[in-house]
Each structure stands twice: as C-alpha cells, then as structure tokens.
Amino acid sequence: MMRSCCSELMEEGYYIVVDIDLEKFFDRVNHDILMSRVARKIADKTILRLIRRYLDSGVMLNGVCVATEEGVPQGGPLSPLLANILLDDLDKELEKRGHKFCRYADDCNIYVKGRRSGERVFESIVRFLSKRLRLTVNEEKSAVDRPSARKFLGFSFLRTGFGVKICISRQSIKKLKDKIREHTRVRRGNITLEERIKVLRRYLVGWMGYYALTDDPSILGNITSWMRRRMRMVVWNQWKKPIARFRGFRRFGLTAREARMAAYNSRGKWWNSRIKLAHIALGNQFWKRSGLPDLSLLHLSVRQSW
C-alpha cells in the first residue's frame, strides 16, 4: 500500500511532501474527543465503557497507579486502532480539500506540487489539528521538503530517471548501525562470538523482514562489510595477547610468517580489523559458516519468498 500510495503520487508530479509529526501523539490524545469519535463508530454502550476504562486505567509510577486524563496506552493492538479513529477527521478534511496524502496511524505525509503550496498546507493543517483535535504538531520534526530528504515509516522516496525508488531512510540506517554497535562492543563481559552472532542474526532477520521492501539494496552490502569489520575487531580483542593472536591466525589458515605480521604490531584493534591478513583469516566465508547474515543475500531471500 505504501509503495502504491507514495510512489504513484510522486510519479504523478507531486514532488514535495508535507511531513506532519504529531508531538507525543499517544501521550496527548484527549479522552473526551477520542470517545466522541469512537461513539460514531460503535453503538454498544458496554464496549464504549470498556474502552473508556482502558483509557482511564492510569500508569504505574514508582509503584503507584496514577490516573491519566489524556493519552492512549502504547504497545497494545487497540492503540493504533484508536489513533486511526481519532485521525479519521484529518483524513476527511484532507479529502474535502482535495489533497493527496498517505497516513498510517499518527504518521502523515501530504504530497503537493510546489514548496509554497506545501507551506500553506502545513500552516492550515497545524491550525486544524490544534483547534479540532487538540493535537500539537512538532514543528522541529515536521517539514516541507523533498520525499528523499524525509522519512515515512522508516523509508524515503527517491525520484530517478527509471521511476521512483523506495529507499531505507538515513535515520533507519543510523538506528540499525547503533544496534549493531551495541552488540559488537568489545567490552561486553564474557559474551562468546557465537552468542553475539545469534543475537545479531535474530535482530537482522526481523529487521530485513520489514525493510526488504527497499528498491535500493546497495547500502546493505556496505553495512554487511562494516559489521564484519566490527566482528573482526571483537575477535582481535578476545585474543587479547599477541601470542594468542598468532595462534588464532595460524588456526584460521595463515602461514607462520603471515600470522606473526598480523599478530605482532603496535596498532589498535580497529586498525587491525581492516588489514588484508585479517580479511584472509576472518573473511566472508568464515562469517558465512559462523551464521552472521549477509544483508544483501538476506534481502534477496526475503524478496524471492514474496
């Protein structure tokens, strides 16, 4: 749906996006306004009372239940449904004005043909959300820009001579690399290499299950190479002393001369993780046998299963 919505709008000439970010949306939903919208869809008073009790159930702070007068509990299946019911007013308003838009829960992108018209739309929608639904737009995170410079559900959209490409957004790539860094820190106790790979594989398979929609997998090979370098750094650090590194390199196929060159130097672990001898000993085949995913191959596998 995202592909047909966003890509088709861009192909029709809507090259500017009004990216609306609702500030702390799930924390600031007004209960009375939400319930009035829910009541339009549901006539059963018992269900309405249950939903109201769900909203008023409160939150635990330092072991004490604190009542809440606004906001929707996050994490459950009901929250996005309630968000869609509340923001149905926004959909109807955009349709009435003839705007082209894509929305999923509280993420909303409105497509226009010019920057000036985008700025006018942004100002009017901010007023509508504030007055009608009592919602606040985060103006620092919202913008009128090209789709390639913004993100929608973790993706950005790039216009090329061959059509519109769905790309993984810069923010999503940064979050992925931060997660990989977390699991490849050298100072993480006595975690074995196998345990690190197992955790990384579980995370990356799930990540790719979502981002396999991308039409631009070139970045995935670069991330895989960078991740393998970080894993070589982990191995280097686990060997600790030069004699252990020498034995490790010998075990992975280097000659005695090559192993001495790789093990006995004054450089740090990050520098040593990229030298040619480390690539030979701990190369692509080693990581493949170890079970560390290649994101490019994982992307291809998921796409072929569709």
Protein backbone atom coordinates (compact mmCIF):
# COMPACT_ATOMS: atom_id res chain seq x y z
CA MET A 1 0.00 0.00 0.00
CA MET A 2 2.86 2.38 0.86
CA ARG A 3 4.52 1.65 -2.49
CA SER A 4 1.33 2.32 -4.49
CA CYS A 5 0.43 5.41 -2.46
CA CYS A 6 3.69 7.37 -2.15
CA SER A 7 5.38 6.23 -5.36
CA GLU A 8 2.33 6.79 -7.55
CA LEU A 9 1.79 10.29 -6.16
CA MET A 10 5.38 11.20 -6.96
CA GLU A 11 5.08 9.74 -10.44
CA GLU A 12 2.01 11.98 -10.93
CA GLY A 13 4.17 15.03 -10.27
CA TYR A 14 3.72 15.57 -6.53
CA TYR A 15 7.41 16.03 -5.70
CA ILE A 16 7.08 17.94 -2.41
CA VAL A 17 5.94 16.32 0.82
CA VAL A 18 4.39 17.99 3.87
CA ASP A 19 5.68 15.75 6.65
CA ILE A 20 3.47 16.11 9.74
CA ASP A 21 4.93 14.93 13.05
CA LEU A 22 2.47 14.90 15.95
CA GLU A 23 4.25 15.73 19.19
CA LYS A 24 3.94 12.86 21.71
CA PHE A 25 0.74 11.78 19.99
CA PHE A 26 -0.07 8.74 22.12
CA ASP A 27 0.63 10.72 25.31
CA ARG A 28 -1.60 13.68 24.46
CA VAL A 29 -4.78 12.26 22.96
CA ASN A 30 -7.77 13.96 24.58
CA HIS A 31 -10.05 11.25 26.02
CA ASP A 32 -13.31 13.15 25.54
CA ILE A 33 -12.59 13.95 21.90
CA LEU A 34 -11.44 10.39 21.23
CA MET A 35 -14.52 8.84 22.86
CA SER A 36 -16.83 11.10 20.85
CA ARG A 37 -15.17 9.79 17.66
CA VAL A 38 -15.34 6.18 18.86
CA ALA A 39 -19.04 6.60 19.62
CA ARG A 40 -19.62 7.47 15.96
CA LYS A 41 -18.35 4.01 15.01
CA ILE A 42 -19.61 1.90 17.94
CA ALA A 43 -23.14 1.94 19.32
CA ASP A 44 -22.68 -0.73 22.02
CA LYS A 45 -22.51 1.11 25.36
CA THR A 46 -20.79 -1.80 27.11
CA ILE A 47 -17.87 -1.67 24.67
CA LEU A 48 -17.71 2.11 24.99
CA ARG A 49 -17.47 1.80 28.79
CA LEU A 50 -14.68 -0.80 28.46
CA ILE A 51 -12.71 1.48 26.13
CA ARG A 52 -13.17 4.41 28.50
CA ARG A 53 -11.96 2.31 31.43
CA TYR A 54 -8.99 1.25 29.31
CA LEU A 55 -8.11 4.89 28.67
CA ASP A 56 -8.63 5.89 32.33
CA SER A 57 -6.74 2.90 33.77
CA GLY A 58 -3.70 5.07 34.54
CA VAL A 59 0.02 4.32 34.60
CA MET A 60 2.40 2.96 37.22
CA LEU A 61 4.95 5.49 38.50
CA ASN A 62 7.33 4.26 41.21
CA GLY A 63 4.87 1.52 42.12
CA VAL A 64 1.91 3.90 42.40
CA CYS A 65 -1.02 3.94 39.96
CA VAL A 66 -1.51 7.49 38.65
CA ALA A 67 -4.72 8.47 36.89
CA THR A 68 -4.46 9.79 33.32
CA GLU A 69 -6.77 12.34 31.72
CA GLU A 70 -5.17 12.17 28.29
CA GLY A 71 -3.09 9.77 26.25
CA VAL A 72 -3.50 6.22 24.94
CA PRO A 73 -1.59 3.24 26.42
CA GLN A 74 1.08 2.17 23.93
CA GLY A 75 2.13 -1.32 22.95
CA GLY A 76 -1.30 -2.94 22.65
CA PRO A 77 -3.26 -3.68 19.48
CA LEU A 78 -6.01 -1.22 20.45
CA SER A 79 -3.78 1.89 20.38
CA PRO A 80 -3.23 2.15 16.59
CA LEU A 81 -6.93 1.41 16.03
CA LEU A 82 -7.92 4.27 18.33
CA ALA A 83 -5.36 6.51 16.60
CA ASN A 84 -6.97 5.77 13.23
CA ILE A 85 -10.45 6.52 14.58
CA LEU A 86 -9.31 9.85 16.01
CA LEU A 87 -7.39 10.87 12.90
CA ASP A 88 -10.25 9.90 10.60
CA ASP A 89 -11.29 13.56 10.94
CA LEU A 90 -7.93 14.55 9.47
CA ASP A 91 -8.43 12.15 6.54
CA LYS A 92 -11.87 13.57 5.84
CA GLU A 93 -10.55 17.14 5.99
CA LEU A 94 -7.70 16.37 3.59
CA GLU A 95 -10.08 14.61 1.21
CA LYS A 96 -12.50 17.55 1.35
CA ARG A 97 -9.69 19.91 0.40
CA GLY A 98 -8.61 17.63 -2.44
CA HIS A 99 -5.14 16.89 -1.04
CA LYS A 100 -3.10 13.81 -1.91
CA PHE A 101 -1.82 12.08 1.22
CA CYS A 102 -0.64 8.85 2.86
CA ARG A 103 -1.25 8.18 6.54
CA TYR A 104 -0.51 5.27 8.85
CA ALA A 105 -1.63 5.80 12.48
CA ASP A 106 0.00 9.10 13.51
CA ASP A 107 2.44 9.26 10.56
CA CYS A 108 1.04 11.50 7.83
CA ASN A 109 2.60 12.73 4.58
CA ILE A 110 0.74 15.15 2.31
CA TYR A 111 2.00 15.43 -1.28
CA VAL A 112 1.89 18.70 -3.23
CA LYS A 113 3.47 20.03 -6.43
CA GLY A 114 5.25 23.08 -5.03
CA ARG A 115 7.05 24.23 -1.92
CA ARG A 116 4.91 27.36 -1.44
CA SER A 117 1.67 25.38 -1.62
CA GLY A 118 3.23 22.90 0.81
CA GLU A 119 3.94 25.66 3.32
CA ARG A 120 0.35 26.90 3.05
CA VAL A 121 -0.99 23.37 3.57
CA PHE A 122 1.31 22.86 6.55
CA GLU A 123 0.09 26.03 8.30
CA SER A 124 -3.58 25.27 7.72
CA ILE A 125 -3.29 21.64 8.88
CA VAL A 126 -1.45 22.71 12.04
CA ARG A 127 -4.38 25.02 12.83
CA PHE A 128 -6.92 22.27 12.08
CA LEU A 129 -5.21 19.71 14.33
CA SER A 130 -4.85 22.21 17.15
CA LYS A 131 -8.43 23.52 17.09
CA ARG A 132 -10.42 20.46 16.06
CA LEU A 133 -8.49 17.61 17.71
CA ARG A 134 -6.36 19.48 20.28
CA LEU A 135 -3.22 17.87 18.95
CA THR A 136 0.18 19.57 18.80
CA VAL A 137 2.43 19.38 15.76
CA ASN A 138 6.15 19.15 16.48
CA GLU A 139 7.36 21.90 14.16
CA GLU A 140 11.02 20.99 14.66
CA LYS A 141 10.48 17.46 13.35
CA SER A 142 7.89 18.41 10.74
CA ALA A 143 8.92 19.92 7.41
CA VAL A 144 8.05 20.76 3.81
CA ASP A 145 10.73 19.06 1.73
CA ARG A 146 11.58 16.55 -0.97
CA PRO A 147 10.49 12.96 -0.12
CA SER A 148 14.11 11.80 -0.43
CA ALA A 149 15.04 14.07 2.50
CA ARG A 150 12.21 12.87 4.76
CA LYS A 151 11.14 9.51 6.13
CA PHE A 152 7.79 7.76 6.19
CA LEU A 153 7.52 4.54 8.20
CA GLY A 154 11.31 4.23 8.04
CA PHE A 155 11.58 4.75 4.28
CA SER A 156 12.35 7.65 1.95
CA PHE A 157 11.47 8.00 -1.73
CA LEU A 158 13.91 8.96 -4.47
CA ARG A 159 12.95 10.14 -7.94
CA THR A 160 15.23 8.72 -10.66
CA GLY A 161 15.22 8.51 -14.43
CA PHE A 162 13.77 5.00 -14.08
CA GLY A 163 10.93 5.93 -11.76
CA VAL A 164 10.56 6.28 -8.00
CA LYS A 165 12.75 4.12 -5.77
CA ILE A 166 11.88 3.16 -2.21
CA CYS A 167 14.99 3.60 -0.05
CA ILE A 168 15.76 2.92 3.58
CA SER A 169 15.90 6.30 5.30
CA ARG A 170 19.11 7.70 6.77
CA GLN A 171 17.52 7.66 10.23
CA SER A 172 16.67 3.96 9.90
CA ILE A 173 20.22 3.14 8.78
CA LYS A 174 21.61 5.06 11.75
CA LYS A 175 19.36 3.14 14.17
CA LEU A 176 20.46 -0.15 12.62
CA LYS A 177 24.15 0.72 12.93
CA ASP A 178 23.64 1.86 16.53
CA LYS A 179 22.06 -1.53 17.27
CA ILE A 180 24.96 -3.38 15.63
CA ARG A 181 27.42 -1.26 17.62
CA GLU A 182 25.59 -2.22 20.81
CA HIS A 183 26.07 -5.93 20.08
CA THR A 184 29.67 -5.61 18.84
CA ARG A 185 31.12 -3.57 21.69
CA VAL A 186 34.36 -5.20 22.80
CA ARG A 187 33.62 -4.59 26.48
CA ARG A 188 30.51 -6.67 26.97
CA GLY A 189 31.68 -9.15 29.55
CA ASN A 190 32.36 -12.76 28.62
CA ILE A 191 29.94 -12.97 25.70
CA THR A 192 31.12 -15.53 23.18
CA LEU A 193 31.33 -14.89 19.47
CA GLU A 194 28.57 -17.44 18.89
CA GLU A 195 26.23 -15.64 21.29
CA ARG A 196 26.86 -12.29 19.60
CA ILE A 197 26.14 -13.76 16.17
CA LYS A 198 22.98 -15.46 17.44
CA VAL A 199 21.61 -12.16 18.84
CA LEU A 200 22.60 -10.22 15.72
CA ARG A 201 21.05 -12.79 13.42
CA ARG A 202 17.75 -12.74 15.30
CA TYR A 203 17.62 -8.94 15.11
CA LEU A 204 18.75 -8.62 11.47
CA VAL A 205 16.34 -11.25 10.14
CA GLY A 206 13.44 -9.37 11.74
CA TRP A 207 14.80 -6.01 10.53
CA MET A 208 15.12 -7.24 6.96
CA GLY A 209 11.63 -8.74 7.08
CA TYR A 210 10.39 -5.15 7.28
CA TYR A 211 12.94 -3.28 5.15
CA ALA A 212 13.06 -5.83 2.32
CA LEU A 213 10.58 -3.50 0.60
CA THR A 214 13.52 -1.29 -0.42
CA ASP A 215 14.34 -0.95 -4.13
CA ASP A 216 17.89 0.19 -3.33
CA PRO A 217 19.79 -2.68 -1.66
CA SER A 218 23.25 -1.24 -2.42
CA ILE A 219 23.63 0.15 1.11
CA LEU A 220 23.11 -3.35 2.55
CA GLY A 221 26.44 -4.63 1.21
CA ASN A 222 28.26 -1.68 2.79
CA ILE A 223 26.59 -2.30 6.15
CA THR A 224 27.49 -6.00 5.98
CA SER A 225 31.17 -5.18 5.29
CA TRP A 226 31.21 -2.69 8.17
CA MET A 227 29.56 -5.22 10.52
CA ARG A 228 32.12 -7.89 9.62
CA ARG A 229 34.90 -5.44 10.37
CA ARG A 230 33.42 -4.79 13.80
CA MET A 231 33.20 -8.53 14.38
CA ARG A 232 36.88 -8.96 13.41
CA MET A 233 37.63 -6.25 15.97
CA VAL A 234 35.74 -8.32 18.56
CA VAL A 235 37.77 -11.44 17.70
CA TRP A 236 41.03 -9.46 17.83
CA ASN A 237 40.14 -8.13 21.27
CA GLN A 238 39.12 -11.57 22.58
CA TRP A 239 42.52 -12.98 21.67
CA LYS A 240 43.99 -10.28 23.98
CA LYS A 241 47.73 -11.09 23.78
CA PRO A 242 49.97 -11.29 20.69
CA ILE A 243 50.73 -14.98 21.23
CA ALA A 244 47.00 -15.77 21.31
CA ARG A 245 46.53 -13.74 18.12
CA PHE A 246 49.39 -15.57 16.46
CA ARG A 247 47.83 -18.94 17.35
CA GLY A 248 44.41 -17.73 16.26
CA PHE A 249 45.63 -16.57 12.88
CA ARG A 250 47.50 -19.83 12.39
CA ARG A 251 44.34 -21.75 13.24
CA PHE A 252 42.46 -19.82 10.57
CA GLY A 253 44.92 -20.66 7.82
CA LEU A 254 47.70 -18.04 7.81
CA THR A 255 51.31 -19.11 7.45
CA ALA A 256 53.64 -18.61 10.42
CA ARG A 257 55.16 -15.54 8.75
CA GLU A 258 51.74 -14.03 7.96
CA ALA A 259 50.46 -14.78 11.46
CA ARG A 260 53.46 -13.01 13.03
CA MET A 261 52.92 -9.97 10.80
CA ALA A 262 49.25 -9.82 11.75
CA ALA A 263 49.65 -10.52 15.47
CA TYR A 264 52.75 -8.55 16.43
CA ASN A 265 52.20 -4.88 15.75
CA SER A 266 51.55 -1.81 17.85
CA ARG A 267 48.35 -0.78 16.08
CA GLY A 268 44.92 -0.84 17.71
CA LYS A 269 42.05 -3.28 17.25
CA TRP A 270 40.07 -1.10 14.81
CA TRP A 271 43.08 -0.64 12.51
CA ASN A 272 43.88 -4.34 12.64
CA SER A 273 40.28 -5.26 11.81
CA ARG A 274 40.74 -3.98 8.26
CA ILE A 275 44.19 -5.30 7.29
CA LYS A 276 44.41 -7.74 4.40
CA LEU A 277 45.64 -10.64 6.55
CA ALA A 278 42.66 -10.27 8.89
CA HIS A 279 40.38 -10.38 5.82
CA ILE A 280 42.09 -13.58 4.67
CA ALA A 281 41.80 -15.31 8.04
CA LEU A 282 38.36 -13.97 9.00
CA GLY A 283 36.89 -13.40 5.56
CA ASN A 284 33.44 -13.68 4.09
CA GLN A 285 33.38 -17.48 4.09
CA PHE A 286 34.29 -17.59 7.77
CA TRP A 287 31.36 -15.33 8.69
CA LYS A 288 29.05 -17.27 6.39
CA ARG A 289 29.96 -20.52 8.17
CA SER A 290 29.55 -18.76 11.52
CA GLY A 291 25.98 -17.76 10.68
CA LEU A 292 26.46 -13.98 10.54
CA PRO A 293 23.90 -12.72 8.00
CA ASP A 294 24.84 -11.06 4.73
CA LEU A 295 22.16 -8.37 4.44
CA SER A 296 22.31 -8.35 0.63
CA LEU A 297 21.63 -12.10 0.45
CA LEU A 298 19.02 -11.84 3.20
CA HIS A 299 17.24 -9.10 1.25
CA LEU A 300 17.24 -11.24 -1.89
CA SER A 301 15.94 -14.27 0.02
CA VAL A 302 13.04 -12.33 1.55
CA ARG A 303 12.10 -10.75 -1.79
CA GLN A 304 12.10 -14.15 -3.52
CA SER A 305 9.77 -15.55 -0.85
CA TRP A 306 7.09 -12.94 -1.63
